[in-house]
Each structure stands twice: as structure tokens, then as C-alpha cells.
Amino acid sequence: MERKTPKKVVVSKAAVKRSGLLAVKASARLEGRVVPAGHKRSAAVKAYLAKQQPPKR
């Protein structure tokens, strides 16, 4: 007999973050936007990205 409700699985924040990272890398690779392995973000870019984040509650 088949299950009527989906099985619930607890997933860690780290697993979700890693999954997102892998998806972004794969998408970039498909679009030809691969970033070199040793690339470091500049301070200006880090500041910009931090400013774009929604405030934490």
C-alpha cells in the first residue's frame, strides 16, 4: 500500500547551503560563467553583498 503523505526528512542548514552552492556552480558552468578556483572577492564587493542582505531578526 502506498503512503498517502510524504515522508518528512530533517535536513541540516549546512546540507541546504551546500546544495545551493552546488546548484549555483552547476548553473554558472552551464552558462559559461565559471570563476577561477583561487578567486577572492574584493572588499568593495563584500561590502556591497553585505549591504544587500536583509536585516537579521
PDB file of N, CA and C in Angstrom:
ATOM      1  N   MET A   1       0.838  -1.172   0.000  1.00  0.00           N
ATOM      2  CA  MET A   1       0.000   0.000   0.000  1.00  0.00           C
ATOM      3  C   MET A   1       0.889   1.245   0.000  1.00  0.00           C
ATOM      4  N   GLU A   2       0.559   2.204  -0.823  1.00  0.00           N
ATOM      5  CA  GLU A   2       1.374   3.413  -0.935  1.00  0.00           C
ATOM      6  C   GLU A   2       1.083   4.380   0.198  1.00  0.00           C
ATOM      7  N   ARG A   3       2.100   5.155   0.506  1.00  0.00           N
ATOM      8  CA  ARG A   3       1.994   6.161   1.543  1.00  0.00           C
ATOM      9  C   ARG A   3       1.202   7.363   1.023  1.00  0.00           C
ATOM     10  N   LYS A   4       0.251   7.866   1.778  1.00  0.00           N
ATOM     11  CA  LYS A   4      -0.577   8.980   1.327  1.00  0.00           C
ATOM     12  C   LYS A   4       0.057  10.335   1.616  1.00  0.00           C
ATOM     13  N   THR A   5       0.857  10.396   2.664  1.00  0.00           N
ATOM     14  CA  THR A   5       1.540  11.657   2.982  1.00  0.00           C
ATOM     15  C   THR A   5       3.024  11.483   2.730  1.00  0.00           C
ATOM     16  N   PRO A   6       3.690  12.552   2.277  1.00  0.00           N
ATOM     17  CA  PRO A   6       5.131  12.426   2.022  1.00  0.00           C
ATOM     18  C   PRO A   6       5.910  12.213   3.312  1.00  0.00           C
ATOM     19  N   LYS A   7       6.966  11.455   3.207  1.00  0.00           N
ATOM     20  CA  LYS A   7       7.825  11.205   4.353  1.00  0.00           C
ATOM     21  C   LYS A   7       8.575  12.485   4.704  1.00  0.00           C
ATOM     22  N   LYS A   8       8.603  12.841   5.984  1.00  0.00           N
ATOM     23  CA  LYS A   8       9.287  14.058   6.416  1.00  0.00           C
ATOM     24  C   LYS A   8      10.732  13.720   6.756  1.00  0.00           C
ATOM     25  N   VAL A   9      11.649  14.541   6.249  1.00  0.00           N
ATOM     26  CA  VAL A   9      13.069  14.335   6.494  1.00  0.00           C
ATOM     27  C   VAL A   9      13.640  15.636   7.038  1.00  0.00           C
ATOM     28  N   VAL A  10      14.412  15.551   8.108  1.00  0.00           N
ATOM     29  CA  VAL A  10      15.051  16.733   8.676  1.00  0.00           C
ATOM     30  C   VAL A  10      16.381  16.933   7.958  1.00  0.00           C
ATOM     31  N   VAL A  11      16.570  18.140   7.418  1.00  0.00           N
ATOM     32  CA  VAL A  11      17.785  18.449   6.680  1.00  0.00           C
ATOM     33  C   VAL A  11      18.508  19.578   7.399  1.00  0.00           C
ATOM     34  N   SER A  12      19.815  19.427   7.584  1.00  0.00           N
ATOM     35  CA  SER A  12      20.586  20.444   8.295  1.00  0.00           C
ATOM     36  C   SER A  12      20.771  21.694   7.433  1.00  0.00           C
ATOM     37  N   LYS A  13      21.044  22.816   8.099  1.00  0.00           N
ATOM     38  CA  LYS A  13      21.294  24.066   7.379  1.00  0.00           C
ATOM     39  C   LYS A  13      22.515  23.913   6.476  1.00  0.00           C
ATOM     40  N   ALA A  14      23.519  23.195   6.958  1.00  0.00           N
ATOM     41  CA  ALA A  14      24.741  23.002   6.178  1.00  0.00           C
ATOM     42  C   ALA A  14      24.439  22.243   4.883  1.00  0.00           C
ATOM     43  N   ALA A  15      23.564  21.247   4.959  1.00  0.00           N
ATOM     44  CA  ALA A  15      23.213  20.471   3.767  1.00  0.00           C
ATOM     45  C   ALA A  15      22.461  21.330   2.753  1.00  0.00           C
ATOM     46  N   VAL A  16      21.577  22.192   3.247  1.00  0.00           N
ATOM     47  CA  VAL A  16      20.826  23.079   2.351  1.00  0.00           C
ATOM     48  C   VAL A  16      21.779  24.064   1.688  1.00  0.00           C
ATOM     49  N   LYS A  17      22.711  24.613   2.478  1.00  0.00           N
ATOM     50  CA  LYS A  17      23.669  25.584   1.949  1.00  0.00           C
ATOM     51  C   LYS A  17      24.557  24.927   0.882  1.00  0.00           C
ATOM     52  N   ARG A  18      25.028  23.724   1.173  1.00  0.00           N
ATOM     53  CA  ARG A  18      25.886  23.007   0.211  1.00  0.00           C
ATOM     54  C   ARG A  18      25.117  22.697  -1.075  1.00  0.00           C
ATOM     55  N   SER A  19      23.883  22.297  -0.938  1.00  0.00           N
ATOM     56  CA  SER A  19      23.049  22.003  -2.099  1.00  0.00           C
ATOM     57  C   SER A  19      22.890  23.238  -2.977  1.00  0.00           C
ATOM     58  N   GLY A  20      22.639  24.379  -2.345  1.00  0.00           N
ATOM     59  CA  GLY A  20      22.514  25.635  -3.087  1.00  0.00           C
ATOM     60  C   GLY A  20      23.803  25.999  -3.779  1.00  0.00           C
ATOM     61  N   LEU A  21      24.926  25.817  -3.088  1.00  0.00           N
ATOM     62  CA  LEU A  21      26.233  26.129  -3.664  1.00  0.00           C
ATOM     63  C   LEU A  21      26.498  25.279  -4.898  1.00  0.00           C
ATOM     64  N   LEU A  22      26.202  23.996  -4.801  1.00  0.00           N
ATOM     65  CA  LEU A  22      26.421  23.097  -5.944  1.00  0.00           C
ATOM     66  C   LEU A  22      25.523  23.471  -7.116  1.00  0.00           C
ATOM     67  N   ALA A  23      24.282  23.855  -6.829  1.00  0.00           N
ATOM     68  CA  ALA A  23      23.358  24.243  -7.892  1.00  0.00           C
ATOM     69  C   ALA A  23      23.833  25.511  -8.596  1.00  0.00           C
ATOM     70  N   VAL A  24      24.310  26.471  -7.821  1.00  0.00           N
ATOM     71  CA  VAL A  24      24.803  27.729  -8.398  1.00  0.00           C
ATOM     72  C   VAL A  24      26.030  27.469  -9.266  1.00  0.00           C
ATOM     73  N   LYS A  25      26.940  26.625  -8.774  1.00  0.00           N
ATOM     74  CA  LYS A  25      28.146  26.314  -9.556  1.00  0.00           C
ATOM     75  C   LYS A  25      27.794  25.610 -10.861  1.00  0.00           C
ATOM     76  N   ALA A  26      26.851  24.669 -10.789  1.00  0.00           N
ATOM     77  CA  ALA A  26      26.445  23.938 -11.987  1.00  0.00           C
ATOM     78  C   ALA A  26      25.780  24.876 -12.991  1.00  0.00           C
ATOM     79  N   SER A  27      24.944  25.770 -12.497  1.00  0.00           N
ATOM     80  CA  SER A  27      24.263  26.726 -13.367  1.00  0.00           C
ATOM     81  C   SER A  27      25.276  27.645 -14.044  1.00  0.00           C
ATOM     82  N   ALA A  28      26.241  28.130 -13.273  1.00  0.00           N
ATOM     83  CA  ALA A  28      27.267  29.015 -13.819  1.00  0.00           C
ATOM     84  C   ALA A  28      28.082  28.287 -14.891  1.00  0.00           C
ATOM     85  N   ARG A  29      28.403  27.029 -14.619  1.00  0.00           N
ATOM     86  CA  ARG A  29      29.193  26.242 -15.579  1.00  0.00           C
ATOM     87  C   ARG A  29      28.428  26.090 -16.893  1.00  0.00           C
ATOM     88  N   LEU A  30      27.117  25.848 -16.793  1.00  0.00           N
ATOM     89  CA  LEU A  30      26.305  25.700 -17.999  1.00  0.00           C
ATOM     90  C   LEU A  30      26.248  26.995 -18.813  1.00  0.00           C
ATOM     91  N   GLU A  31      26.275  28.133 -18.126  1.00  0.00           N
ATOM     92  CA  GLU A  31      26.194  29.429 -18.792  1.00  0.00           C
ATOM     93  C   GLU A  31      27.565  29.989 -19.171  1.00  0.00           C
ATOM     94  N   GLY A  32      28.621  29.240 -18.878  1.00  0.00           N
ATOM     95  CA  GLY A  32      29.966  29.698 -19.220  1.00  0.00           C
ATOM     96  C   GLY A  32      30.473  30.802 -18.304  1.00  0.00           C
ATOM     97  N   ARG A  33      30.012  30.830 -17.047  1.00  0.00           N
ATOM     98  CA  ARG A  33      30.430  31.860 -16.109  1.00  0.00           C
ATOM     99  C   ARG A  33      31.277  31.272 -14.984  1.00  0.00           C
ATOM    100  N   VAL A  34      32.160  30.365 -15.282  1.00  0.00           N
ATOM    101  CA  VAL A  34      32.949  29.697 -14.252  1.00  0.00           C
ATOM    102  C   VAL A  34      34.002  30.666 -13.691  1.00  0.00           C
ATOM    103  N   VAL A  35      34.060  30.723 -12.346  1.00  0.00           N
ATOM    104  CA  VAL A  35      35.017  31.586 -11.656  1.00  0.00           C
ATOM    105  C   VAL A  35      36.246  30.742 -11.315  1.00  0.00           C
ATOM    106  N   PRO A  36      37.453  31.265 -11.524  1.00  0.00           N
ATOM    107  CA  PRO A  36      38.667  30.510 -11.200  1.00  0.00           C
ATOM    108  C   PRO A  36      38.690  30.089  -9.725  1.00  0.00           C
ATOM    109  N   ALA A  37      39.301  28.948  -9.430  1.00  0.00           N
ATOM    110  CA  ALA A  37      39.299  28.371  -8.082  1.00  0.00           C
ATOM    111  C   ALA A  37      39.915  29.307  -7.037  1.00  0.00           C
ATOM    112  N   GLY A  38      40.977  30.012  -7.353  1.00  0.00           N
ATOM    113  CA  GLY A  38      41.657  30.847  -6.370  1.00  0.00           C
ATOM    114  C   GLY A  38      41.125  32.264  -6.279  1.00  0.00           C
ATOM    115  N   HIS A  39      39.993  32.556  -6.914  1.00  0.00           N
ATOM    116  CA  HIS A  39      39.463  33.914  -6.948  1.00  0.00           C
ATOM    117  C   HIS A  39      39.025  34.396  -5.570  1.00  0.00           C
ATOM    118  N   LYS A  40      39.400  35.616  -5.197  1.00  0.00           N
ATOM    119  CA  LYS A  40      38.994  36.235  -3.938  1.00  0.00           C
ATOM    120  C   LYS A  40      38.165  37.468  -4.245  1.00  0.00           C
ATOM    121  N   ARG A  41      37.089  37.665  -3.519  1.00  0.00           N
ATOM    122  CA  ARG A  41      36.247  38.850  -3.710  1.00  0.00           C
ATOM    123  C   ARG A  41      36.943  40.070  -3.119  1.00  0.00           C
ATOM    124  N   SER A  42      36.766  41.206  -3.792  1.00  0.00           N
ATOM    125  CA  SER A  42      37.345  42.444  -3.281  1.00  0.00           C
ATOM    126  C   SER A  42      36.542  42.921  -2.078  1.00  0.00           C
ATOM    127  N   ALA A  43      37.134  43.836  -1.303  1.00  0.00           N
ATOM    128  CA  ALA A  43      36.458  44.383  -0.125  1.00  0.00           C
ATOM    129  C   ALA A  43      35.190  45.133  -0.533  1.00  0.00           C
ATOM    130  N   ALA A  44      35.244  45.827  -1.679  1.00  0.00           N
ATOM    131  CA  ALA A  44      34.074  46.572  -2.149  1.00  0.00           C
ATOM    132  C   ALA A  44      32.920  45.625  -2.484  1.00  0.00           C
ATOM    133  N   VAL A  45      33.230  44.499  -3.096  1.00  0.00           N
ATOM    134  CA  VAL A  45      32.191  43.531  -3.448  1.00  0.00           C
ATOM    135  C   VAL A  45      31.604  42.916  -2.175  1.00  0.00           C
ATOM    136  N   LYS A  46      32.470  42.581  -1.207  1.00  0.00           N
ATOM    137  CA  LYS A  46      31.983  42.017   0.056  1.00  0.00           C
ATOM    138  C   LYS A  46      31.066  43.007   0.769  1.00  0.00           C
ATOM    139  N   ALA A  47      31.449  44.280   0.764  1.00  0.00           N
ATOM    140  CA  ALA A  47      30.632  45.310   1.413  1.00  0.00           C
ATOM    141  C   ALA A  47      29.284  45.442   0.693  1.00  0.00           C
ATOM    142  N   TYR A  48      29.309  45.428  -0.623  1.00  0.00           N
ATOM    143  CA  TYR A  48      28.070  45.528  -1.406  1.00  0.00           C
ATOM    144  C   TYR A  48      27.136  44.358  -1.104  1.00  0.00           C
ATOM    145  N   LEU A  49      27.684  43.139  -1.087  1.00  0.00           N
ATOM    146  CA  LEU A  49      26.876  41.963  -0.841  1.00  0.00           C
ATOM    147  C   LEU A  49      26.311  41.976   0.584  1.00  0.00           C
ATOM    148  N   ALA A  50      27.108  42.435   1.543  1.00  0.00           N
ATOM    149  CA  ALA A  50      26.637  42.511   2.927  1.00  0.00           C
ATOM    150  C   ALA A  50      25.490  43.519   3.029  1.00  0.00           C
ATOM    151  N   LYS A  51      25.584  44.610   2.280  1.00  0.00           N
ATOM    152  CA  LYS A  51      24.543  45.637   2.292  1.00  0.00           C
ATOM    153  C   LYS A  51      23.247  45.123   1.660  1.00  0.00           C
ATOM    154  N   GLN A  52      23.346  44.201   0.709  1.00  0.00           N
ATOM    155  CA  GLN A  52      22.180  43.659   0.017  1.00  0.00           C
ATOM    156  C   GLN A  52      21.413  42.628   0.856  1.00  0.00           C
ATOM    157  N   GLN A  53      22.050  42.079   1.878  1.00  0.00           N
ATOM    158  CA  GLN A  53      21.405  41.064   2.708  1.00  0.00           C
ATOM    159  C   GLN A  53      20.293  41.695   3.534  1.00  0.00           C
ATOM    160  N   PRO A  54      19.164  41.010   3.685  1.00  0.00           N
ATOM    161  CA  PRO A  54      18.098  41.554   4.515  1.00  0.00           C
ATOM    162  C   PRO A  54      18.546  41.569   5.983  1.00  0.00           C
ATOM    163  N   PRO A  55      18.034  42.490   6.789  1.00  0.00           N
ATOM    164  CA  PRO A  55      18.448  42.545   8.195  1.00  0.00           C
ATOM    165  C   PRO A  55      18.064  41.276   8.932  1.00  0.00           C
ATOM    166  N   LYS A  56      18.938  40.849   9.843  1.00  0.00           N
ATOM    167  CA  LYS A  56      18.660  39.635  10.624  1.00  0.00           C
ATOM    168  C   LYS A  56      17.778  39.999  11.814  1.00  0.00           C
ATOM    169  N   ARG A  57      16.854  39.093  12.132  1.00  0.00           N
ATOM    170  CA  ARG A  57      15.947  39.329  13.245  1.00  0.00           C
ATOM    171  C   ARG A  57      16.455  38.676  14.499  1.00  0.00           C
TER     172      ARG A  57
END
